[in-house]
N, C-alpha and C. Protein backbone atom coordinates (compact mmCIF):
# COMPACT_ATOMS: atom_id res chain seq x y z
N MET A 1 -5.14 7.53 12.19
CA MET A 1 -5.99 6.41 11.79
C MET A 1 -6.91 6.02 12.94
N TYR A 2 -8.19 5.80 12.63
CA TYR A 2 -9.12 5.29 13.62
C TYR A 2 -8.89 3.80 13.75
N GLN A 3 -8.57 3.35 14.99
CA GLN A 3 -8.21 1.95 15.22
C GLN A 3 -8.94 1.35 16.40
N PRO A 4 -10.15 0.84 16.21
CA PRO A 4 -10.77 0.07 17.30
C PRO A 4 -9.82 -1.05 17.71
N LYS A 5 -9.72 -1.28 19.01
CA LYS A 5 -8.70 -2.18 19.54
C LYS A 5 -8.66 -3.55 18.88
N LYS A 6 -9.84 -4.14 18.62
CA LYS A 6 -9.85 -5.51 18.10
C LYS A 6 -9.38 -5.60 16.65
N TYR A 7 -9.24 -4.43 15.99
CA TYR A 7 -8.82 -4.45 14.59
C TYR A 7 -7.38 -3.98 14.39
N ILE A 8 -6.70 -3.61 15.46
CA ILE A 8 -5.33 -3.10 15.35
C ILE A 8 -4.39 -4.19 14.85
N LYS A 9 -3.52 -3.80 13.91
CA LYS A 9 -2.49 -4.70 13.40
C LYS A 9 -1.14 -4.01 13.56
N ASP A 10 -0.47 -4.30 14.67
CA ASP A 10 0.81 -3.64 14.93
C ASP A 10 2.00 -4.59 14.85
N ASP A 11 1.76 -5.81 14.38
CA ASP A 11 2.84 -6.77 14.22
C ASP A 11 3.75 -6.33 13.08
N PRO A 12 5.05 -6.16 13.30
CA PRO A 12 5.97 -5.68 12.25
C PRO A 12 5.94 -6.54 10.99
N GLU A 13 5.81 -7.84 11.15
CA GLU A 13 5.81 -8.71 9.97
C GLU A 13 4.54 -8.48 9.13
N PHE A 14 3.40 -8.26 9.80
CA PHE A 14 2.17 -7.95 9.08
C PHE A 14 2.35 -6.67 8.26
N ILE A 15 2.90 -5.63 8.91
CA ILE A 15 3.10 -4.35 8.24
C ILE A 15 4.01 -4.51 7.03
N PHE A 16 5.13 -5.17 7.22
CA PHE A 16 6.14 -5.33 6.18
C PHE A 16 5.56 -6.08 4.97
N GLN A 17 4.87 -7.18 5.23
CA GLN A 17 4.30 -7.96 4.14
C GLN A 17 3.14 -7.23 3.47
N PHE A 18 2.38 -6.48 4.25
CA PHE A 18 1.26 -5.74 3.69
C PHE A 18 1.75 -4.74 2.65
N ILE A 19 2.81 -4.02 2.97
CA ILE A 19 3.38 -3.05 2.03
C ILE A 19 3.87 -3.75 0.77
N GLN A 20 4.51 -4.90 0.94
CA GLN A 20 4.99 -5.65 -0.22
C GLN A 20 3.85 -6.12 -1.12
N HIS A 21 2.73 -6.51 -0.51
CA HIS A 21 1.61 -7.04 -1.28
C HIS A 21 0.70 -5.95 -1.84
N HIS A 22 0.79 -4.73 -1.28
CA HIS A 22 -0.07 -3.62 -1.72
C HIS A 22 0.79 -2.36 -1.93
N PRO A 23 1.68 -2.39 -2.92
CA PRO A 23 2.66 -1.31 -3.07
C PRO A 23 2.13 -0.01 -3.66
N PHE A 24 0.93 -0.02 -4.23
CA PHE A 24 0.42 1.21 -4.83
C PHE A 24 -0.20 2.07 -3.72
N ALA A 25 0.49 3.13 -3.36
CA ALA A 25 0.14 3.91 -2.18
C ALA A 25 -0.40 5.30 -2.54
N THR A 26 -1.06 5.91 -1.57
CA THR A 26 -1.44 7.31 -1.65
C THR A 26 -0.50 8.10 -0.75
N MET A 27 0.21 9.06 -1.32
CA MET A 27 1.15 9.87 -0.55
C MET A 27 0.54 11.25 -0.34
N VAL A 28 0.39 11.63 0.93
CA VAL A 28 -0.23 12.90 1.30
C VAL A 28 0.80 13.80 1.96
N SER A 29 0.85 15.06 1.52
CA SER A 29 1.71 16.06 2.17
C SER A 29 0.96 17.39 2.17
N LYS A 30 1.58 18.42 2.72
CA LYS A 30 0.87 19.69 2.87
C LYS A 30 1.78 20.87 2.56
N SER A 31 1.26 21.77 1.77
CA SER A 31 1.90 23.07 1.57
C SER A 31 0.88 24.10 2.03
N GLN A 32 0.25 24.81 1.11
CA GLN A 32 -0.85 25.69 1.49
C GLN A 32 -2.12 24.88 1.72
N HIS A 33 -2.16 23.70 1.16
CA HIS A 33 -3.31 22.81 1.32
C HIS A 33 -2.80 21.38 1.22
N PHE A 34 -3.62 20.43 1.60
CA PHE A 34 -3.23 19.03 1.48
C PHE A 34 -3.22 18.63 0.00
N ILE A 35 -2.26 17.78 -0.33
CA ILE A 35 -2.12 17.32 -1.70
C ILE A 35 -1.72 15.86 -1.68
N ALA A 36 -2.19 15.09 -2.67
CA ALA A 36 -1.92 13.66 -2.68
C ALA A 36 -1.54 13.19 -4.07
N THR A 37 -0.69 12.17 -4.11
CA THR A 37 -0.31 11.51 -5.36
C THR A 37 -0.40 10.00 -5.15
N HIS A 38 -0.80 9.29 -6.19
CA HIS A 38 -0.91 7.83 -6.13
C HIS A 38 0.28 7.24 -6.88
N ILE A 39 1.14 6.54 -6.16
CA ILE A 39 2.39 6.05 -6.73
C ILE A 39 2.76 4.68 -6.15
N PRO A 40 3.53 3.90 -6.92
CA PRO A 40 4.07 2.67 -6.34
C PRO A 40 5.19 3.01 -5.35
N VAL A 41 5.16 2.38 -4.21
CA VAL A 41 6.16 2.61 -3.17
C VAL A 41 6.72 1.25 -2.74
N LEU A 42 8.02 1.09 -2.83
CA LEU A 42 8.64 -0.18 -2.45
C LEU A 42 9.32 -0.05 -1.10
N VAL A 43 9.59 -1.19 -0.50
CA VAL A 43 10.18 -1.24 0.84
C VAL A 43 11.47 -2.06 0.78
N GLU A 44 12.46 -1.63 1.55
CA GLU A 44 13.69 -2.41 1.67
C GLU A 44 14.11 -2.44 3.13
N GLY A 45 14.78 -3.53 3.51
CA GLY A 45 15.19 -3.71 4.89
C GLY A 45 14.53 -4.95 5.47
N SER A 46 14.18 -4.86 6.74
CA SER A 46 13.53 -5.97 7.42
C SER A 46 12.26 -5.48 8.09
N ALA A 47 11.47 -6.41 8.60
CA ALA A 47 10.22 -6.03 9.27
C ALA A 47 10.48 -5.11 10.46
N GLU A 48 11.62 -5.29 11.09
CA GLU A 48 11.94 -4.50 12.28
C GLU A 48 12.59 -3.16 11.95
N ASN A 49 13.16 -3.05 10.76
CA ASN A 49 13.88 -1.82 10.40
C ASN A 49 13.87 -1.66 8.88
N PHE A 50 13.00 -0.80 8.37
CA PHE A 50 12.90 -0.65 6.93
C PHE A 50 12.74 0.81 6.53
N ARG A 51 12.97 1.05 5.27
CA ARG A 51 12.67 2.35 4.68
C ARG A 51 11.96 2.12 3.35
N LEU A 52 11.29 3.15 2.90
CA LEU A 52 10.51 3.08 1.67
C LEU A 52 11.15 3.96 0.61
N TYR A 53 10.85 3.68 -0.65
CA TYR A 53 11.37 4.54 -1.70
C TYR A 53 10.41 4.59 -2.87
N ALA A 54 10.44 5.73 -3.57
CA ALA A 54 9.54 5.96 -4.70
C ALA A 54 10.07 7.16 -5.48
N HIS A 55 9.29 7.58 -6.47
CA HIS A 55 9.65 8.77 -7.24
C HIS A 55 8.37 9.41 -7.77
N ILE A 56 8.45 10.70 -8.09
CA ILE A 56 7.32 11.39 -8.72
C ILE A 56 7.84 12.26 -9.86
N ALA A 57 6.93 12.65 -10.74
CA ALA A 57 7.28 13.51 -11.87
C ALA A 57 7.62 14.91 -11.38
N ASN A 58 8.58 15.54 -12.01
CA ASN A 58 9.00 16.88 -11.60
C ASN A 58 7.92 17.93 -11.83
N HIS A 59 7.00 17.68 -12.77
CA HIS A 59 5.93 18.66 -13.00
C HIS A 59 4.75 18.45 -12.05
N ASN A 60 4.84 17.45 -11.16
CA ASN A 60 3.82 17.23 -10.13
C ASN A 60 3.97 18.31 -9.06
N GLU A 61 2.91 19.05 -8.78
CA GLU A 61 3.00 20.14 -7.82
C GLU A 61 3.37 19.67 -6.41
N GLN A 62 3.18 18.39 -6.14
CA GLN A 62 3.52 17.88 -4.82
C GLN A 62 5.03 17.88 -4.58
N LEU A 63 5.80 17.91 -5.65
CA LEU A 63 7.26 17.91 -5.50
C LEU A 63 7.74 19.06 -4.62
N GLU A 64 7.04 20.19 -4.66
CA GLU A 64 7.44 21.35 -3.87
C GLU A 64 7.42 21.05 -2.37
N THR A 65 6.65 20.07 -1.96
CA THR A 65 6.55 19.74 -0.53
C THR A 65 7.58 18.70 -0.11
N LEU A 66 8.27 18.10 -1.07
CA LEU A 66 9.20 17.01 -0.76
C LEU A 66 10.62 17.54 -0.61
N LYS A 67 10.91 18.00 0.58
CA LYS A 67 12.25 18.47 0.94
C LYS A 67 12.83 17.51 1.98
N ASP A 68 14.13 17.53 2.14
CA ASP A 68 14.75 16.70 3.17
C ASP A 68 14.12 16.99 4.53
N ASP A 69 13.74 15.93 5.23
CA ASP A 69 13.11 15.96 6.56
C ASP A 69 11.64 16.37 6.55
N ALA A 70 11.08 16.65 5.37
CA ALA A 70 9.65 16.94 5.31
C ALA A 70 8.85 15.68 5.65
N GLU A 71 7.65 15.87 6.20
CA GLU A 71 6.81 14.74 6.58
C GLU A 71 5.78 14.43 5.49
N VAL A 72 5.60 13.14 5.24
CA VAL A 72 4.52 12.69 4.36
C VAL A 72 3.75 11.59 5.07
N LEU A 73 2.52 11.39 4.64
CA LEU A 73 1.72 10.26 5.10
C LEU A 73 1.52 9.34 3.90
N LEU A 74 1.95 8.08 4.06
CA LEU A 74 1.78 7.08 3.01
C LEU A 74 0.68 6.12 3.43
N ILE A 75 -0.31 5.94 2.57
CA ILE A 75 -1.45 5.10 2.86
C ILE A 75 -1.46 3.90 1.91
N PHE A 76 -1.37 2.72 2.47
CA PHE A 76 -1.41 1.48 1.70
C PHE A 76 -2.76 0.80 1.99
N SER A 77 -3.48 0.45 0.94
CA SER A 77 -4.82 -0.10 1.11
C SER A 77 -4.92 -1.52 0.58
N GLY A 78 -5.61 -2.37 1.34
CA GLY A 78 -5.86 -3.74 0.91
C GLY A 78 -7.25 -3.85 0.30
N ALA A 79 -7.70 -5.07 0.11
CA ALA A 79 -9.04 -5.30 -0.43
C ALA A 79 -10.09 -4.74 0.54
N GLN A 80 -11.19 -4.23 -0.02
CA GLN A 80 -12.24 -3.66 0.81
C GLN A 80 -13.58 -3.89 0.14
N GLY A 81 -14.66 -3.83 0.94
CA GLY A 81 -15.97 -3.99 0.35
C GLY A 81 -17.11 -3.97 1.35
N TYR A 82 -18.29 -3.78 0.82
CA TYR A 82 -19.53 -3.72 1.60
C TYR A 82 -19.96 -5.12 2.02
N ILE A 83 -20.37 -5.23 3.28
CA ILE A 83 -20.88 -6.49 3.82
C ILE A 83 -22.36 -6.27 4.18
N SER A 84 -23.23 -6.93 3.45
CA SER A 84 -24.67 -6.76 3.67
C SER A 84 -25.15 -7.59 4.85
N SER A 85 -25.94 -6.96 5.72
CA SER A 85 -26.49 -7.70 6.85
C SER A 85 -27.54 -8.72 6.40
N SER A 86 -27.96 -8.62 5.14
CA SER A 86 -28.90 -9.62 4.61
C SER A 86 -28.22 -10.98 4.48
N TRP A 87 -26.90 -11.00 4.61
CA TRP A 87 -26.16 -12.26 4.53
C TRP A 87 -26.12 -12.99 5.88
N TYR A 88 -26.59 -12.32 6.95
CA TYR A 88 -26.52 -12.90 8.29
C TYR A 88 -27.76 -13.74 8.60
N ALA A 89 -27.64 -14.58 9.60
CA ALA A 89 -28.77 -15.42 10.03
C ALA A 89 -29.87 -14.58 10.67
N GLU A 90 -29.48 -13.49 11.35
CA GLU A 90 -30.44 -12.61 11.99
C GLU A 90 -30.21 -11.17 11.55
N LYS A 91 -31.22 -10.33 11.68
CA LYS A 91 -31.10 -8.93 11.28
C LYS A 91 -30.01 -8.22 12.07
N ASP A 92 -29.23 -7.42 11.37
CA ASP A 92 -28.13 -6.69 12.01
C ASP A 92 -27.85 -5.45 11.16
N ILE A 93 -26.78 -4.74 11.48
CA ILE A 93 -26.39 -3.56 10.73
C ILE A 93 -25.32 -3.94 9.71
N SER A 94 -25.48 -3.47 8.49
CA SER A 94 -24.47 -3.73 7.47
C SER A 94 -23.18 -2.97 7.79
N THR A 95 -22.07 -3.38 7.17
CA THR A 95 -20.80 -2.73 7.49
C THR A 95 -19.88 -2.78 6.28
N TRP A 96 -18.66 -2.31 6.46
CA TRP A 96 -17.65 -2.30 5.40
C TRP A 96 -16.38 -2.90 5.98
N ASP A 97 -15.84 -3.91 5.33
CA ASP A 97 -14.59 -4.53 5.77
C ASP A 97 -13.43 -4.04 4.91
N TYR A 98 -12.25 -3.93 5.52
CA TYR A 98 -11.09 -3.39 4.79
C TYR A 98 -9.83 -3.63 5.61
N SER A 99 -8.69 -3.37 5.00
CA SER A 99 -7.42 -3.37 5.72
C SER A 99 -6.55 -2.26 5.16
N ALA A 100 -5.68 -1.71 5.99
CA ALA A 100 -4.84 -0.59 5.56
C ALA A 100 -3.65 -0.42 6.49
N VAL A 101 -2.62 0.20 5.96
CA VAL A 101 -1.45 0.59 6.75
C VAL A 101 -1.17 2.06 6.47
N HIS A 102 -0.98 2.83 7.54
CA HIS A 102 -0.61 4.24 7.43
C HIS A 102 0.80 4.42 7.97
N ILE A 103 1.63 5.11 7.20
CA ILE A 103 3.00 5.36 7.64
C ILE A 103 3.31 6.84 7.52
N ASN A 104 3.62 7.46 8.66
CA ASN A 104 4.17 8.82 8.66
C ASN A 104 5.68 8.69 8.53
N ALA A 105 6.24 9.41 7.59
CA ALA A 105 7.67 9.24 7.31
C ALA A 105 8.32 10.58 7.01
N HIS A 106 9.64 10.63 7.20
CA HIS A 106 10.43 11.80 6.83
C HIS A 106 11.12 11.53 5.50
N ILE A 107 11.12 12.53 4.66
CA ILE A 107 11.66 12.42 3.31
C ILE A 107 13.16 12.71 3.28
N LYS A 108 13.85 11.99 2.40
CA LYS A 108 15.23 12.34 2.04
C LYS A 108 15.34 12.16 0.53
N LEU A 109 15.68 13.21 -0.17
CA LEU A 109 15.77 13.14 -1.62
C LEU A 109 16.94 12.25 -2.05
N GLN A 110 16.76 11.54 -3.13
CA GLN A 110 17.79 10.64 -3.63
C GLN A 110 18.76 11.36 -4.56
N THR A 111 19.97 10.84 -4.58
CA THR A 111 20.93 11.29 -5.58
C THR A 111 20.54 10.68 -6.93
N LYS A 112 21.17 11.13 -7.99
CA LYS A 112 20.91 10.57 -9.32
C LYS A 112 21.20 9.08 -9.34
N GLU A 113 22.30 8.69 -8.69
CA GLU A 113 22.68 7.28 -8.65
C GLU A 113 21.67 6.46 -7.86
N GLU A 114 21.19 7.00 -6.74
CA GLU A 114 20.19 6.30 -5.93
C GLU A 114 18.87 6.17 -6.69
N LEU A 115 18.51 7.21 -7.41
CA LEU A 115 17.28 7.17 -8.21
C LEU A 115 17.35 6.06 -9.25
N GLU A 116 18.46 6.00 -9.96
CA GLU A 116 18.60 4.99 -11.00
C GLU A 116 18.58 3.59 -10.41
N SER A 117 19.22 3.40 -9.26
CA SER A 117 19.20 2.10 -8.59
C SER A 117 17.78 1.74 -8.16
N SER A 118 17.04 2.72 -7.66
CA SER A 118 15.67 2.49 -7.22
C SER A 118 14.77 2.13 -8.39
N LEU A 119 14.94 2.82 -9.52
CA LEU A 119 14.15 2.53 -10.70
C LEU A 119 14.42 1.12 -11.21
N LYS A 120 15.68 0.73 -11.14
CA LYS A 120 16.05 -0.62 -11.58
C LYS A 120 15.34 -1.66 -10.71
N LYS A 121 15.32 -1.45 -9.40
CA LYS A 121 14.66 -2.37 -8.49
C LYS A 121 13.15 -2.38 -8.73
N LEU A 122 12.59 -1.19 -8.95
CA LEU A 122 11.15 -1.08 -9.19
C LEU A 122 10.73 -1.85 -10.44
N VAL A 123 11.41 -1.58 -11.53
CA VAL A 123 11.08 -2.24 -12.79
C VAL A 123 11.27 -3.74 -12.68
N ASN A 124 12.41 -4.14 -12.14
CA ASN A 124 12.71 -5.57 -12.07
C ASN A 124 11.75 -6.32 -11.15
N THR A 125 11.30 -5.65 -10.07
CA THR A 125 10.35 -6.28 -9.15
C THR A 125 9.08 -6.71 -9.87
N PHE A 126 8.55 -5.82 -10.70
CA PHE A 126 7.29 -6.12 -11.36
C PHE A 126 7.47 -6.86 -12.69
N GLU A 127 8.60 -6.66 -13.34
CA GLU A 127 8.86 -7.39 -14.58
C GLU A 127 9.11 -8.87 -14.31
N ASN A 128 9.59 -9.19 -13.12
CA ASN A 128 9.82 -10.60 -12.77
C ASN A 128 8.54 -11.42 -12.85
N ARG A 129 7.39 -10.74 -12.78
CA ARG A 129 6.11 -11.43 -12.81
C ARG A 129 5.57 -11.61 -14.24
N GLN A 130 6.28 -11.02 -15.21
CA GLN A 130 5.79 -11.05 -16.58
C GLN A 130 6.28 -12.30 -17.32
N LYS A 131 5.51 -12.71 -18.29
CA LYS A 131 5.88 -13.90 -19.07
C LYS A 131 7.13 -13.65 -19.90
N SER A 132 7.22 -12.46 -20.50
CA SER A 132 8.41 -12.07 -21.28
C SER A 132 8.90 -10.73 -20.76
N PRO A 133 9.61 -10.72 -19.64
CA PRO A 133 9.97 -9.47 -18.97
C PRO A 133 10.93 -8.59 -19.78
N LEU A 134 10.80 -7.28 -19.57
CA LEU A 134 11.73 -6.30 -20.13
C LEU A 134 12.37 -5.58 -18.94
N PHE A 135 13.57 -5.99 -18.58
CA PHE A 135 14.23 -5.45 -17.40
C PHE A 135 14.82 -4.07 -17.69
N TYR A 136 15.14 -3.38 -16.62
CA TYR A 136 15.60 -1.99 -16.71
C TYR A 136 16.79 -1.86 -17.64
N ASP A 137 17.75 -2.75 -17.52
CA ASP A 137 18.97 -2.66 -18.32
C ASP A 137 18.73 -2.94 -19.80
N GLU A 138 17.55 -3.43 -20.12
CA GLU A 138 17.21 -3.72 -21.52
C GLU A 138 16.48 -2.57 -22.20
N ILE A 139 16.11 -1.55 -21.43
CA ILE A 139 15.47 -0.36 -21.99
C ILE A 139 16.53 0.45 -22.73
N PRO A 140 16.24 0.97 -23.91
CA PRO A 140 17.24 1.75 -24.66
C PRO A 140 17.87 2.85 -23.80
N GLN A 141 19.20 2.94 -23.82
CA GLN A 141 19.93 3.85 -22.95
C GLN A 141 19.50 5.30 -23.14
N GLN A 142 19.30 5.73 -24.37
CA GLN A 142 18.92 7.12 -24.62
C GLN A 142 17.55 7.42 -24.02
N MET A 143 16.66 6.46 -24.06
CA MET A 143 15.34 6.63 -23.47
C MET A 143 15.45 6.88 -21.96
N LEU A 144 16.33 6.12 -21.32
CA LEU A 144 16.55 6.30 -19.88
C LEU A 144 17.17 7.66 -19.59
N LEU A 145 18.15 8.06 -20.39
CA LEU A 145 18.81 9.36 -20.20
C LEU A 145 17.83 10.51 -20.37
N ASP A 146 16.89 10.34 -21.28
CA ASP A 146 15.88 11.39 -21.50
C ASP A 146 14.87 11.44 -20.37
N HIS A 147 14.62 10.30 -19.74
CA HIS A 147 13.57 10.19 -18.73
C HIS A 147 14.03 10.61 -17.33
N LEU A 148 15.25 10.26 -16.98
CA LEU A 148 15.73 10.48 -15.61
C LEU A 148 15.64 11.94 -15.14
N PRO A 149 15.97 12.94 -15.97
CA PRO A 149 15.89 14.33 -15.50
C PRO A 149 14.46 14.81 -15.24
N LEU A 150 13.47 14.02 -15.63
CA LEU A 150 12.08 14.44 -15.50
C LEU A 150 11.42 13.96 -14.21
N ILE A 151 12.14 13.20 -13.41
CA ILE A 151 11.57 12.65 -12.17
C ILE A 151 12.52 12.88 -11.00
N THR A 152 11.96 12.81 -9.80
CA THR A 152 12.74 12.94 -8.57
C THR A 152 12.45 11.76 -7.66
N GLY A 153 13.51 11.10 -7.22
CA GLY A 153 13.36 9.97 -6.32
C GLY A 153 13.57 10.39 -4.87
N PHE A 154 13.02 9.60 -3.97
CA PHE A 154 13.18 9.93 -2.55
C PHE A 154 13.09 8.68 -1.69
N TRP A 155 13.69 8.77 -0.51
CA TRP A 155 13.55 7.78 0.54
C TRP A 155 12.49 8.29 1.51
N ALA A 156 11.82 7.39 2.20
CA ALA A 156 10.86 7.77 3.23
C ALA A 156 11.15 6.90 4.46
N LYS A 157 11.62 7.54 5.52
CA LYS A 157 11.96 6.82 6.74
C LYS A 157 10.81 6.90 7.74
N PRO A 158 10.17 5.78 8.06
CA PRO A 158 9.01 5.79 8.95
C PRO A 158 9.35 6.24 10.37
N PHE A 159 8.45 7.02 10.97
CA PHE A 159 8.57 7.33 12.39
C PHE A 159 7.26 7.03 13.14
N LYS A 160 6.19 6.75 12.40
CA LYS A 160 4.92 6.35 13.00
C LYS A 160 4.26 5.36 12.06
N ILE A 161 3.91 4.18 12.58
CA ILE A 161 3.35 3.12 11.74
C ILE A 161 2.06 2.61 12.39
N GLN A 162 0.98 2.56 11.61
CA GLN A 162 -0.30 2.07 12.11
C GLN A 162 -0.91 1.10 11.10
N GLY A 163 -1.44 0.01 11.61
CA GLY A 163 -2.10 -0.96 10.74
C GLY A 163 -3.47 -1.33 11.27
N ILE A 164 -4.37 -1.66 10.36
CA ILE A 164 -5.71 -2.08 10.75
C ILE A 164 -6.21 -3.14 9.78
N ALA A 165 -6.96 -4.10 10.32
CA ALA A 165 -7.63 -5.09 9.48
C ALA A 165 -9.00 -5.34 10.09
N LYS A 166 -10.01 -4.72 9.53
CA LYS A 166 -11.39 -4.90 9.98
C LYS A 166 -12.00 -5.99 9.09
N LEU A 167 -11.94 -7.22 9.56
CA LEU A 167 -12.29 -8.37 8.73
C LEU A 167 -13.25 -9.32 9.43
N HIS A 168 -14.25 -8.73 10.05
CA HIS A 168 -15.33 -9.48 10.69
C HIS A 168 -14.91 -10.28 11.92
N GLN A 169 -13.84 -9.84 12.56
CA GLN A 169 -13.46 -10.48 13.82
C GLN A 169 -14.59 -10.29 14.84
N GLY A 170 -14.89 -11.34 15.58
CA GLY A 170 -15.90 -11.26 16.62
C GLY A 170 -17.32 -11.56 16.18
N TYR A 171 -17.53 -11.74 14.90
CA TYR A 171 -18.87 -12.08 14.41
C TYR A 171 -19.12 -13.59 14.56
N LYS A 172 -20.38 -13.98 14.49
CA LYS A 172 -20.72 -15.40 14.56
C LYS A 172 -20.11 -16.13 13.37
N LYS A 173 -19.63 -17.34 13.62
CA LYS A 173 -18.96 -18.12 12.58
C LYS A 173 -19.84 -18.31 11.35
N GLU A 174 -21.13 -18.57 11.58
CA GLU A 174 -22.01 -18.80 10.44
C GLU A 174 -22.20 -17.54 9.60
N ASP A 175 -22.18 -16.36 10.27
CA ASP A 175 -22.32 -15.11 9.54
C ASP A 175 -21.04 -14.79 8.76
N ILE A 176 -19.90 -15.11 9.35
CA ILE A 176 -18.62 -14.93 8.65
C ILE A 176 -18.57 -15.82 7.42
N ALA A 177 -18.95 -17.09 7.60
CA ALA A 177 -18.94 -18.04 6.49
C ALA A 177 -19.89 -17.60 5.38
N SER A 178 -21.05 -17.09 5.74
CA SER A 178 -22.01 -16.63 4.75
C SER A 178 -21.48 -15.42 4.00
N SER A 179 -20.83 -14.51 4.72
CA SER A 179 -20.25 -13.32 4.08
C SER A 179 -19.18 -13.73 3.08
N ILE A 180 -18.34 -14.66 3.48
CA ILE A 180 -17.28 -15.15 2.58
C ILE A 180 -17.90 -15.76 1.33
N ASP A 181 -18.93 -16.55 1.53
CA ASP A 181 -19.59 -17.22 0.40
C ASP A 181 -20.15 -16.21 -0.59
N HIS A 182 -20.80 -15.15 -0.09
CA HIS A 182 -21.36 -14.14 -0.98
C HIS A 182 -20.26 -13.35 -1.69
N LEU A 183 -19.19 -13.01 -0.96
CA LEU A 183 -18.10 -12.25 -1.56
C LEU A 183 -17.39 -13.05 -2.65
N GLU A 184 -17.24 -14.34 -2.44
CA GLU A 184 -16.56 -15.19 -3.41
C GLU A 184 -17.31 -15.28 -4.74
N LYS A 185 -18.57 -14.87 -4.75
CA LYS A 185 -19.36 -14.87 -5.97
C LYS A 185 -19.29 -13.51 -6.68
N GLY A 186 -18.55 -12.57 -6.10
CA GLY A 186 -18.48 -11.22 -6.64
C GLY A 186 -17.30 -10.99 -7.56
N ASP A 187 -16.87 -9.73 -7.66
CA ASP A 187 -15.76 -9.37 -8.55
C ASP A 187 -14.42 -9.71 -7.90
N SER A 188 -13.32 -9.35 -8.56
CA SER A 188 -11.99 -9.72 -8.08
C SER A 188 -11.68 -9.11 -6.72
N GLN A 189 -12.12 -7.87 -6.49
CA GLN A 189 -11.87 -7.24 -5.19
C GLN A 189 -12.64 -7.95 -4.08
N GLN A 190 -13.90 -8.31 -4.36
CA GLN A 190 -14.68 -9.03 -3.36
C GLN A 190 -14.06 -10.40 -3.06
N LYS A 191 -13.57 -11.05 -4.09
CA LYS A 191 -12.89 -12.34 -3.88
C LYS A 191 -11.65 -12.18 -3.02
N SER A 192 -10.90 -11.11 -3.24
CA SER A 192 -9.70 -10.85 -2.42
C SER A 192 -10.09 -10.56 -0.98
N LEU A 193 -11.18 -9.81 -0.79
CA LEU A 193 -11.65 -9.53 0.56
C LEU A 193 -12.10 -10.81 1.24
N ALA A 194 -12.78 -11.68 0.52
CA ALA A 194 -13.20 -12.97 1.07
C ALA A 194 -11.99 -13.76 1.56
N LYS A 195 -10.94 -13.75 0.78
CA LYS A 195 -9.71 -14.46 1.14
C LYS A 195 -9.12 -13.89 2.43
N ASP A 196 -9.09 -12.55 2.55
CA ASP A 196 -8.56 -11.90 3.76
C ASP A 196 -9.39 -12.25 4.99
N ILE A 197 -10.72 -12.21 4.84
CA ILE A 197 -11.61 -12.53 5.95
C ILE A 197 -11.41 -13.99 6.38
N LYS A 198 -11.28 -14.86 5.42
CA LYS A 198 -11.09 -16.28 5.69
C LYS A 198 -9.79 -16.51 6.47
N GLU A 199 -8.71 -15.87 6.02
CA GLU A 199 -7.41 -16.04 6.69
C GLU A 199 -7.41 -15.44 8.09
N GLU A 200 -8.03 -14.27 8.23
CA GLU A 200 -8.05 -13.60 9.54
C GLU A 200 -8.83 -14.40 10.57
N ASN A 201 -9.87 -15.08 10.12
CA ASN A 201 -10.73 -15.84 11.05
C ASN A 201 -10.46 -17.34 11.05
N ASN A 202 -9.34 -17.72 10.42
CA ASN A 202 -8.90 -19.13 10.40
C ASN A 202 -9.97 -20.08 9.88
N LEU A 203 -10.57 -19.70 8.77
CA LEU A 203 -11.62 -20.53 8.16
C LEU A 203 -11.10 -21.18 6.87
């Protein structure tokens, strides 16, 4: 990851919370060529000591690269967007603001029991946010039995963790405020980016 010093985010609590808030990750591995899959990845443990877990479909060609101790790169992305220099008080160069966490991890395949436990946590995590949730144990048993053999679960133990938040640090306060104002008038992603910029710059 390219990390200009002023944008580095290496605080364990930032990393841990970022993964929790942005669980849909890009998983990259390599066989004869690089290959990637976009999957939800959850975290368990503490900010100081955690592991990740997820699953992929067995017909996904990336499964061939997921062996015990194999390395993957997991990329978690936050809100991002274009910042126009026309929003500044004086002429400048436009830029792009964003935040991300990269985790290099070693894989360990899950047992059937671990996979089922992980799926239960995954479903329940997101169903808890629903108005009328359908929890894992409420899914018809035969449906679960038919589905489980079609997927493979895995743990991912981090050995290299990098974080970045390029959110207009170091810019003039009036230019930051103007950028936030313009972003807040945009779509949902721009609004989320405005919120991140505001929090990072204590505005």
